[in-house]
Amino acid sequence: MAINGINSSGTYTAPAPPPPEGAPGRRSADPAPAPPPPRPAPAPQLPDRNLAPVRPVTLEPVRPVTLAPVQPVQYRGYIIDISA
């Protein structure tokens, strides 16, 4: 006779793990639906050889931006300086 998993010779026997539970909302007797088959990758499209060549693009230099000073704004009696 074993008490708390320890038999008369002093060795411990672990209890059997509980059976696995089914998915929530499903009965365990119902098989799970099979996953959809993988979709093949689309075939690569060949470029249209009848297109005109693309003209090169010239970039303009970025002009410096100057910001005008901003006046403080008064809000509900408090002066908030938003220029910082």
PDB file of N, CA and C in Angstrom:
ATOM      1  N   MET A   1       0.847  -1.170   0.000  1.00  0.00           N
ATOM      2  CA  MET A   1       0.000   0.000   0.000  1.00  0.00           C
ATOM      3  C   MET A   1       0.895   1.236   0.000  1.00  0.00           C
ATOM      4  N   ALA A   2       0.519   2.244  -0.816  1.00  0.00           N
ATOM      5  CA  ALA A   2       1.305   3.469  -0.915  1.00  0.00           C
ATOM      6  C   ALA A   2       0.551   4.602  -0.253  1.00  0.00           C
ATOM      7  N   ILE A   3       1.278   5.388   0.542  1.00  0.00           N
ATOM      8  CA  ILE A   3       0.695   6.558   1.191  1.00  0.00           C
ATOM      9  C   ILE A   3       1.387   7.786   0.619  1.00  0.00           C
ATOM     10  N   ASN A   4       0.599   8.679   0.007  1.00  0.00           N
ATOM     11  CA  ASN A   4       1.129   9.888  -0.627  1.00  0.00           C
ATOM     12  C   ASN A   4       2.234   9.572  -1.634  1.00  0.00           C
ATOM     13  N   GLY A   5       2.103   8.472  -2.361  1.00  0.00           N
ATOM     14  CA  GLY A   5       3.070   8.113  -3.388  1.00  0.00           C
ATOM     15  C   GLY A   5       4.282   7.369  -2.882  1.00  0.00           C
ATOM     16  N   ILE A   6       4.405   7.117  -1.567  1.00  0.00           N
ATOM     17  CA  ILE A   6       5.559   6.404  -1.011  1.00  0.00           C
ATOM     18  C   ILE A   6       5.101   5.005  -0.633  1.00  0.00           C
ATOM     19  N   ASN A   7       5.751   3.991  -1.243  1.00  0.00           N
ATOM     20  CA  ASN A   7       5.340   2.614  -0.960  1.00  0.00           C
ATOM     21  C   ASN A   7       6.113   2.069   0.243  1.00  0.00           C
ATOM     22  N   SER A   8       5.924   0.806   0.556  1.00  0.00           N
ATOM     23  CA  SER A   8       6.508   0.223   1.770  1.00  0.00           C
ATOM     24  C   SER A   8       8.025   0.149   1.712  1.00  0.00           C
ATOM     25  N   SER A   9       8.619   0.158   0.517  1.00  0.00           N
ATOM     26  CA  SER A   9      10.087   0.110   0.438  1.00  0.00           C
ATOM     27  C   SER A   9      10.699   1.503   0.531  1.00  0.00           C
ATOM     28  N   GLY A  10       9.891   2.568   0.575  1.00  0.00           N
ATOM     29  CA  GLY A  10      10.392   3.922   0.740  1.00  0.00           C
ATOM     30  C   GLY A  10      10.619   4.675  -0.556  1.00  0.00           C
ATOM     31  N   THR A  11      10.254   4.073  -1.678  1.00  0.00           N
ATOM     32  CA  THR A  11      10.429   4.772  -2.953  1.00  0.00           C
ATOM     33  C   THR A  11       9.166   5.551  -3.290  1.00  0.00           C
ATOM     34  N   TYR A  12       9.364   6.630  -4.011  1.00  0.00           N
ATOM     35  CA  TYR A  12       8.251   7.517  -4.362  1.00  0.00           C
ATOM     36  C   TYR A  12       7.802   7.215  -5.784  1.00  0.00           C
ATOM     37  N   THR A  13       6.506   7.131  -5.973  1.00  0.00           N
ATOM     38  CA  THR A  13       5.931   6.942  -7.301  1.00  0.00           C
ATOM     39  C   THR A  13       5.063   8.151  -7.607  1.00  0.00           C
ATOM     40  N   ALA A  14       5.431   8.883  -8.659  1.00  0.00           N
ATOM     41  CA  ALA A  14       4.678  10.086  -9.022  1.00  0.00           C
ATOM     42  C   ALA A  14       3.321   9.695  -9.573  1.00  0.00           C
ATOM     43  N   PRO A  15       2.304  10.487  -9.296  1.00  0.00           N
ATOM     44  CA  PRO A  15       0.984  10.176  -9.846  1.00  0.00           C
ATOM     45  C   PRO A  15       0.978  10.402 -11.356  1.00  0.00           C
ATOM     46  N   ALA A  16       0.084   9.727 -12.025  1.00  0.00           N
ATOM     47  CA  ALA A  16      -0.034   9.868 -13.481  1.00  0.00           C
ATOM     48  C   ALA A  16      -0.543  11.273 -13.807  1.00  0.00           C
ATOM     49  N   PRO A  17      -0.021  11.884 -14.872  1.00  0.00           N
ATOM     50  CA  PRO A  17      -0.496  13.225 -15.234  1.00  0.00           C
ATOM     51  C   PRO A  17      -1.944  13.168 -15.703  1.00  0.00           C
ATOM     52  N   PRO A  18      -2.672  14.257 -15.552  1.00  0.00           N
ATOM     53  CA  PRO A  18      -4.063  14.258 -15.994  1.00  0.00           C
ATOM     54  C   PRO A  18      -4.132  14.166 -17.518  1.00  0.00           C
ATOM     55  N   PRO A  19      -5.214  13.642 -18.051  1.00  0.00           N
ATOM     56  CA  PRO A  19      -5.329  13.552 -19.512  1.00  0.00           C
ATOM     57  C   PRO A  19      -5.396  14.955 -20.119  1.00  0.00           C
ATOM     58  N   PRO A  20      -4.904  15.135 -21.348  1.00  0.00           N
ATOM     59  CA  PRO A  20      -4.946  16.468 -21.968  1.00  0.00           C
ATOM     60  C   PRO A  20      -6.380  16.900 -22.225  1.00  0.00           C
ATOM     61  N   GLU A  21      -6.601  18.193 -22.077  1.00  0.00           N
ATOM     62  CA  GLU A  21      -7.939  18.732 -22.299  1.00  0.00           C
ATOM     63  C   GLU A  21      -8.103  19.104 -23.765  1.00  0.00           C
ATOM     64  N   GLY A  22      -9.320  19.053 -24.232  1.00  0.00           N
ATOM     65  CA  GLY A  22      -9.600  19.454 -25.601  1.00  0.00           C
ATOM     66  C   GLY A  22      -9.592  20.962 -25.731  1.00  0.00           C
ATOM     67  N   ALA A  23      -9.745  21.424 -26.949  1.00  0.00           N
ATOM     68  CA  ALA A  23      -9.786  22.867 -27.193  1.00  0.00           C
ATOM     69  C   ALA A  23     -11.025  23.451 -26.530  1.00  0.00           C
ATOM     70  N   PRO A  24     -10.957  24.708 -26.070  1.00  0.00           N
ATOM     71  CA  PRO A  24     -12.130  25.307 -25.434  1.00  0.00           C
ATOM     72  C   PRO A  24     -13.306  25.369 -26.407  1.00  0.00           C
ATOM     73  N   GLY A  25     -14.464  25.011 -25.924  1.00  0.00           N
ATOM     74  CA  GLY A  25     -15.662  25.074 -26.751  1.00  0.00           C
ATOM     75  C   GLY A  25     -15.846  23.870 -27.657  1.00  0.00           C
ATOM     76  N   ARG A  26     -14.967  22.884 -27.586  1.00  0.00           N
ATOM     77  CA  ARG A  26     -15.101  21.690 -28.426  1.00  0.00           C
ATOM     78  C   ARG A  26     -15.128  20.463 -27.515  1.00  0.00           C
ATOM     79  N   ARG A  27     -15.841  19.459 -27.940  1.00  0.00           N
ATOM     80  CA  ARG A  27     -15.813  18.198 -27.210  1.00  0.00           C
ATOM     81  C   ARG A  27     -14.564  17.442 -27.621  1.00  0.00           C
ATOM     82  N   SER A  28     -13.965  16.722 -26.693  1.00  0.00           N
ATOM     83  CA  SER A  28     -12.717  16.025 -26.987  1.00  0.00           C
ATOM     84  C   SER A  28     -12.911  14.919 -28.017  1.00  0.00           C
ATOM     85  N   ALA A  29     -14.152  14.420 -28.207  1.00  0.00           N
ATOM     86  CA  ALA A  29     -14.383  13.361 -29.187  1.00  0.00           C
ATOM     87  C   ALA A  29     -14.370  13.910 -30.611  1.00  0.00           C
ATOM     88  N   ASP A  30     -14.597  15.226 -30.778  1.00  0.00           N
ATOM     89  CA  ASP A  30     -14.589  15.809 -32.124  1.00  0.00           C
ATOM     90  C   ASP A  30     -13.150  16.041 -32.567  1.00  0.00           C
ATOM     91  N   PRO A  31     -12.791  15.593 -33.764  1.00  0.00           N
ATOM     92  CA  PRO A  31     -11.428  15.877 -34.228  1.00  0.00           C
ATOM     93  C   PRO A  31     -11.286  17.352 -34.589  1.00  0.00           C
ATOM     94  N   ALA A  32     -10.104  17.870 -34.401  1.00  0.00           N
ATOM     95  CA  ALA A  32      -9.852  19.269 -34.751  1.00  0.00           C
ATOM     96  C   ALA A  32      -9.853  19.408 -36.269  1.00  0.00           C
ATOM     97  N   PRO A  33     -10.343  20.536 -36.784  1.00  0.00           N
ATOM     98  CA  PRO A  33     -10.351  20.702 -38.241  1.00  0.00           C
ATOM     99  C   PRO A  33      -8.924  20.791 -38.774  1.00  0.00           C
ATOM    100  N   ALA A  34      -8.731  20.263 -39.969  1.00  0.00           N
ATOM    101  CA  ALA A  34      -7.404  20.285 -40.582  1.00  0.00           C
ATOM    102  C   ALA A  34      -7.069  21.700 -41.026  1.00  0.00           C
ATOM    103  N   PRO A  35      -5.806  22.099 -40.906  1.00  0.00           N
ATOM    104  CA  PRO A  35      -5.438  23.440 -41.363  1.00  0.00           C
ATOM    105  C   PRO A  35      -5.555  23.525 -42.880  1.00  0.00           C
ATOM    106  N   PRO A  36      -5.795  24.720 -43.411  1.00  0.00           N
ATOM    107  CA  PRO A  36      -5.921  24.839 -44.868  1.00  0.00           C
ATOM    108  C   PRO A  36      -4.578  24.545 -45.537  1.00  0.00           C
ATOM    109  N   PRO A  37      -4.607  24.019 -46.751  1.00  0.00           N
ATOM    110  CA  PRO A  37      -3.339  23.719 -47.424  1.00  0.00           C
ATOM    111  C   PRO A  37      -2.600  25.012 -47.754  1.00  0.00           C
ATOM    112  N   PRO A  38      -1.278  24.973 -47.812  1.00  0.00           N
ATOM    113  CA  PRO A  38      -0.530  26.194 -48.124  1.00  0.00           C
ATOM    114  C   PRO A  38      -0.794  26.641 -49.553  1.00  0.00           C
ATOM    115  N   ARG A  39      -0.852  27.961 -49.731  1.00  0.00           N
ATOM    116  CA  ARG A  39      -1.096  28.498 -51.064  1.00  0.00           C
ATOM    117  C   ARG A  39       0.241  28.650 -51.776  1.00  0.00           C
ATOM    118  N   PRO A  40       0.315  28.263 -53.047  1.00  0.00           N
ATOM    119  CA  PRO A  40       1.582  28.411 -53.765  1.00  0.00           C
ATOM    120  C   PRO A  40       1.895  29.881 -54.013  1.00  0.00           C
ATOM    121  N   ALA A  41       3.173  30.183 -54.110  1.00  0.00           N
ATOM    122  CA  ALA A  41       3.595  31.560 -54.374  1.00  0.00           C
ATOM    123  C   ALA A  41       3.216  31.935 -55.803  1.00  0.00           C
ATOM    124  N   PRO A  42       2.840  33.204 -56.028  1.00  0.00           N
ATOM    125  CA  PRO A  42       2.488  33.607 -57.390  1.00  0.00           C
ATOM    126  C   PRO A  42       3.711  33.554 -58.304  1.00  0.00           C
ATOM    127  N   ALA A  43       3.465  33.271 -59.570  1.00  0.00           N
ATOM    128  CA  ALA A  43       4.557  33.216 -60.542  1.00  0.00           C
ATOM    129  C   ALA A  43       5.123  34.613 -60.745  1.00  0.00           C
ATOM    130  N   PRO A  44       6.430  34.735 -60.900  1.00  0.00           N
ATOM    131  CA  PRO A  44       7.013  36.068 -61.104  1.00  0.00           C
ATOM    132  C   PRO A  44       6.560  36.664 -62.431  1.00  0.00           C
ATOM    133  N   GLN A  45       6.287  37.955 -62.397  1.00  0.00           N
ATOM    134  CA  GLN A  45       5.851  38.659 -63.600  1.00  0.00           C
ATOM    135  C   GLN A  45       7.069  39.182 -64.345  1.00  0.00           C
ATOM    136  N   LEU A  46       7.112  38.961 -65.634  1.00  0.00           N
ATOM    137  CA  LEU A  46       8.204  39.488 -66.443  1.00  0.00           C
ATOM    138  C   LEU A  46       7.936  40.950 -66.752  1.00  0.00           C
ATOM    139  N   PRO A  47       8.973  41.789 -66.796  1.00  0.00           N
ATOM    140  CA  PRO A  47       8.749  43.205 -67.105  1.00  0.00           C
ATOM    141  C   PRO A  47       8.297  43.386 -68.548  1.00  0.00           C
ATOM    142  N   ASP A  48       7.497  44.423 -68.759  1.00  0.00           N
ATOM    143  CA  ASP A  48       7.014  44.740 -70.098  1.00  0.00           C
ATOM    144  C   ASP A  48       8.144  45.426 -70.858  1.00  0.00           C
ATOM    145  N   ARG A  49       8.584  44.834 -71.943  1.00  0.00           N
ATOM    146  CA  ARG A  49       9.709  45.380 -72.714  1.00  0.00           C
ATOM    147  C   ARG A  49       9.285  46.561 -73.579  1.00  0.00           C
ATOM    148  N   ASN A  50       7.983  46.860 -73.673  1.00  0.00           N
ATOM    149  CA  ASN A  50       7.512  47.947 -74.528  1.00  0.00           C
ATOM    150  C   ASN A  50       7.458  49.284 -73.796  1.00  0.00           C
ATOM    151  N   LEU A  51       7.851  49.334 -72.534  1.00  0.00           N
ATOM    152  CA  LEU A  51       7.792  50.586 -71.798  1.00  0.00           C
ATOM    153  C   LEU A  51       8.952  51.488 -72.189  1.00  0.00           C
ATOM    154  N   ALA A  52       8.686  52.793 -72.185  1.00  0.00           N
ATOM    155  CA  ALA A  52       9.740  53.762 -72.484  1.00  0.00           C
ATOM    156  C   ALA A  52      10.710  53.818 -71.312  1.00  0.00           C
ATOM    157  N   PRO A  53      11.981  54.123 -71.569  1.00  0.00           N
ATOM    158  CA  PRO A  53      12.922  54.226 -70.450  1.00  0.00           C
ATOM    159  C   PRO A  53      12.564  55.392 -69.547  1.00  0.00           C
ATOM    160  N   VAL A  54      12.885  55.266 -68.288  1.00  0.00           N
ATOM    161  CA  VAL A  54      12.564  56.290 -67.302  1.00  0.00           C
ATOM    162  C   VAL A  54      13.657  57.347 -67.329  1.00  0.00           C
ATOM    163  N   ARG A  55      13.225  58.612 -67.362  1.00  0.00           N
ATOM    164  CA  ARG A  55      14.198  59.705 -67.358  1.00  0.00           C
ATOM    165  C   ARG A  55      14.859  59.790 -65.990  1.00  0.00           C
ATOM    166  N   PRO A  56      16.129  60.176 -65.940  1.00  0.00           N
ATOM    167  CA  PRO A  56      16.774  60.334 -64.634  1.00  0.00           C
ATOM    168  C   PRO A  56      16.177  61.508 -63.875  1.00  0.00           C
ATOM    169  N   VAL A  57      16.169  61.400 -62.587  1.00  0.00           N
ATOM    170  CA  VAL A  57      15.595  62.429 -61.730  1.00  0.00           C
ATOM    171  C   VAL A  57      16.733  63.238 -61.132  1.00  0.00           C
ATOM    172  N   THR A  58      16.612  64.559 -61.230  1.00  0.00           N
ATOM    173  CA  THR A  58      17.616  65.426 -60.606  1.00  0.00           C
ATOM    174  C   THR A  58      17.029  65.982 -59.319  1.00  0.00           C
ATOM    175  N   LEU A  59      17.804  65.923 -58.269  1.00  0.00           N
ATOM    176  CA  LEU A  59      17.345  66.395 -56.972  1.00  0.00           C
ATOM    177  C   LEU A  59      17.800  67.825 -56.757  1.00  0.00           C
ATOM    178  N   GLU A  60      16.920  68.625 -56.195  1.00  0.00           N
ATOM    179  CA  GLU A  60      17.263  70.008 -55.888  1.00  0.00           C
ATOM    180  C   GLU A  60      17.839  70.069 -54.478  1.00  0.00           C
ATOM    181  N   PRO A  61      18.803  70.967 -54.263  1.00  0.00           N
ATOM    182  CA  PRO A  61      19.340  71.083 -52.905  1.00  0.00           C
ATOM    183  C   PRO A  61      18.282  71.620 -51.949  1.00  0.00           C
ATOM    184  N   VAL A  62      18.383  71.239 -50.714  1.00  0.00           N
ATOM    185  CA  VAL A  62      17.425  71.667 -49.697  1.00  0.00           C
ATOM    186  C   VAL A  62      17.767  73.094 -49.285  1.00  0.00           C
ATOM    187  N   ARG A  63      16.754  73.946 -49.314  1.00  0.00           N
ATOM    188  CA  ARG A  63      16.954  75.345 -48.926  1.00  0.00           C
ATOM    189  C   ARG A  63      16.885  75.458 -47.407  1.00  0.00           C
ATOM    190  N   PRO A  64      17.663  76.375 -46.843  1.00  0.00           N
ATOM    191  CA  PRO A  64      17.570  76.546 -45.385  1.00  0.00           C
ATOM    192  C   PRO A  64      16.217  77.128 -44.999  1.00  0.00           C
ATOM    193  N   VAL A  65      15.744  76.739 -43.859  1.00  0.00           N
ATOM    194  CA  VAL A  65      14.441  77.186 -43.366  1.00  0.00           C
ATOM    195  C   VAL A  65      14.686  78.111 -42.184  1.00  0.00           C
ATOM    196  N   THR A  66      14.030  79.268 -42.213  1.00  0.00           N
ATOM    197  CA  THR A  66      14.125  80.190 -41.080  1.00  0.00           C
ATOM    198  C   THR A  66      12.768  80.256 -40.403  1.00  0.00           C
ATOM    199  N   LEU A  67      12.777  80.160 -39.109  1.00  0.00           N
ATOM    200  CA  LEU A  67      11.537  80.199 -38.343  1.00  0.00           C
ATOM    201  C   LEU A  67      11.382  81.575 -37.712  1.00  0.00           C
ATOM    202  N   ALA A  68      10.178  82.102 -37.786  1.00  0.00           N
ATOM    203  CA  ALA A  68       9.893  83.392 -37.166  1.00  0.00           C
ATOM    204  C   ALA A  68       9.661  83.176 -35.679  1.00  0.00           C
ATOM    205  N   PRO A  69      10.033  84.132 -34.850  1.00  0.00           N
ATOM    206  CA  PRO A  69       9.772  83.968 -33.411  1.00  0.00           C
ATOM    207  C   PRO A  69       8.272  83.910 -33.141  1.00  0.00           C
ATOM    208  N   VAL A  70       7.904  83.132 -32.161  1.00  0.00           N
ATOM    209  CA  VAL A  70       6.497  82.921 -31.828  1.00  0.00           C
ATOM    210  C   VAL A  70       6.188  83.671 -30.546  1.00  0.00           C
ATOM    211  N   GLN A  71       5.066  84.346 -30.544  1.00  0.00           N
ATOM    212  CA  GLN A  71       4.643  85.079 -29.357  1.00  0.00           C
ATOM    213  C   GLN A  71       4.059  84.100 -28.337  1.00  0.00           C
ATOM    214  N   PRO A  72       4.234  84.368 -27.041  1.00  0.00           N
ATOM    215  CA  PRO A  72       3.625  83.495 -26.033  1.00  0.00           C
ATOM    216  C   PRO A  72       2.098  83.506 -26.148  1.00  0.00           C
ATOM    217  N   VAL A  73       1.484  82.387 -25.827  1.00  0.00           N
ATOM    218  CA  VAL A  73       0.034  82.228 -25.916  1.00  0.00           C
ATOM    219  C   VAL A  73      -0.530  82.215 -24.503  1.00  0.00           C
ATOM    220  N   GLN A  74      -1.615  82.960 -24.305  1.00  0.00           N
ATOM    221  CA  GLN A  74      -2.245  82.984 -22.991  1.00  0.00           C
ATOM    222  C   GLN A  74      -3.401  81.993 -22.996  1.00  0.00           C
ATOM    223  N   TYR A  75      -3.432  81.130 -21.977  1.00  0.00           N
ATOM    224  CA  TYR A  75      -4.447  80.091 -21.895  1.00  0.00           C
ATOM    225  C   TYR A  75      -4.952  80.023 -20.465  1.00  0.00           C
ATOM    226  N   ARG A  76      -6.212  80.378 -20.249  1.00  0.00           N
ATOM    227  CA  ARG A  76      -6.876  80.317 -18.939  1.00  0.00           C
ATOM    228  C   ARG A  76      -6.078  81.033 -17.851  1.00  0.00           C
ATOM    229  N   GLY A  77      -5.524  82.168 -18.185  1.00  0.00           N
ATOM    230  CA  GLY A  77      -4.822  82.933 -17.181  1.00  0.00           C
ATOM    231  C   GLY A  77      -3.361  82.583 -17.032  1.00  0.00           C
ATOM    232  N   TYR A  78      -2.900  81.519 -17.689  1.00  0.00           N
ATOM    233  CA  TYR A  78      -1.496  81.143 -17.612  1.00  0.00           C
ATOM    234  C   TYR A  78      -0.811  81.522 -18.912  1.00  0.00           C
ATOM    235  N   ILE A  79       0.411  81.975 -18.835  1.00  0.00           N
ATOM    236  CA  ILE A  79       1.173  82.296 -20.031  1.00  0.00           C
ATOM    237  C   ILE A  79       2.062  81.098 -20.343  1.00  0.00           C
ATOM    238  N   ILE A  80       1.863  80.546 -21.518  1.00  0.00           N
ATOM    239  CA  ILE A  80       2.626  79.382 -21.944  1.00  0.00           C
ATOM    240  C   ILE A  80       3.515  79.818 -23.100  1.00  0.00           C
ATOM    241  N   ASP A  81       4.810  79.679 -22.940  1.00  0.00           N
ATOM    242  CA  ASP A  81       5.755  80.042 -23.989  1.00  0.00           C
ATOM    243  C   ASP A  81       6.001  78.799 -24.840  1.00  0.00           C
ATOM    244  N   ILE A  82       5.477  78.819 -26.075  1.00  0.00           N
ATOM    245  CA  ILE A  82       5.627  77.653 -26.943  1.00  0.00           C
ATOM    246  C   ILE A  82       6.783  77.830 -27.917  1.00  0.00           C
ATOM    247  N   SER A  83       7.616  78.845 -27.701  1.00  0.00           N
ATOM    248  CA  SER A  83       8.723  79.063 -28.627  1.00  0.00           C
ATOM    249  C   SER A  83       9.920  78.170 -28.304  1.00  0.00           C
ATOM    250  N   ALA A  84       9.921  77.539 -27.158  1.00  0.00           N
ATOM    251  CA  ALA A  84      11.074  76.710 -26.782  1.00  0.00           C
ATOM    252  C   ALA A  84      10.982  75.345 -27.416  1.00  0.00           C
TER     253      ALA A  84
END
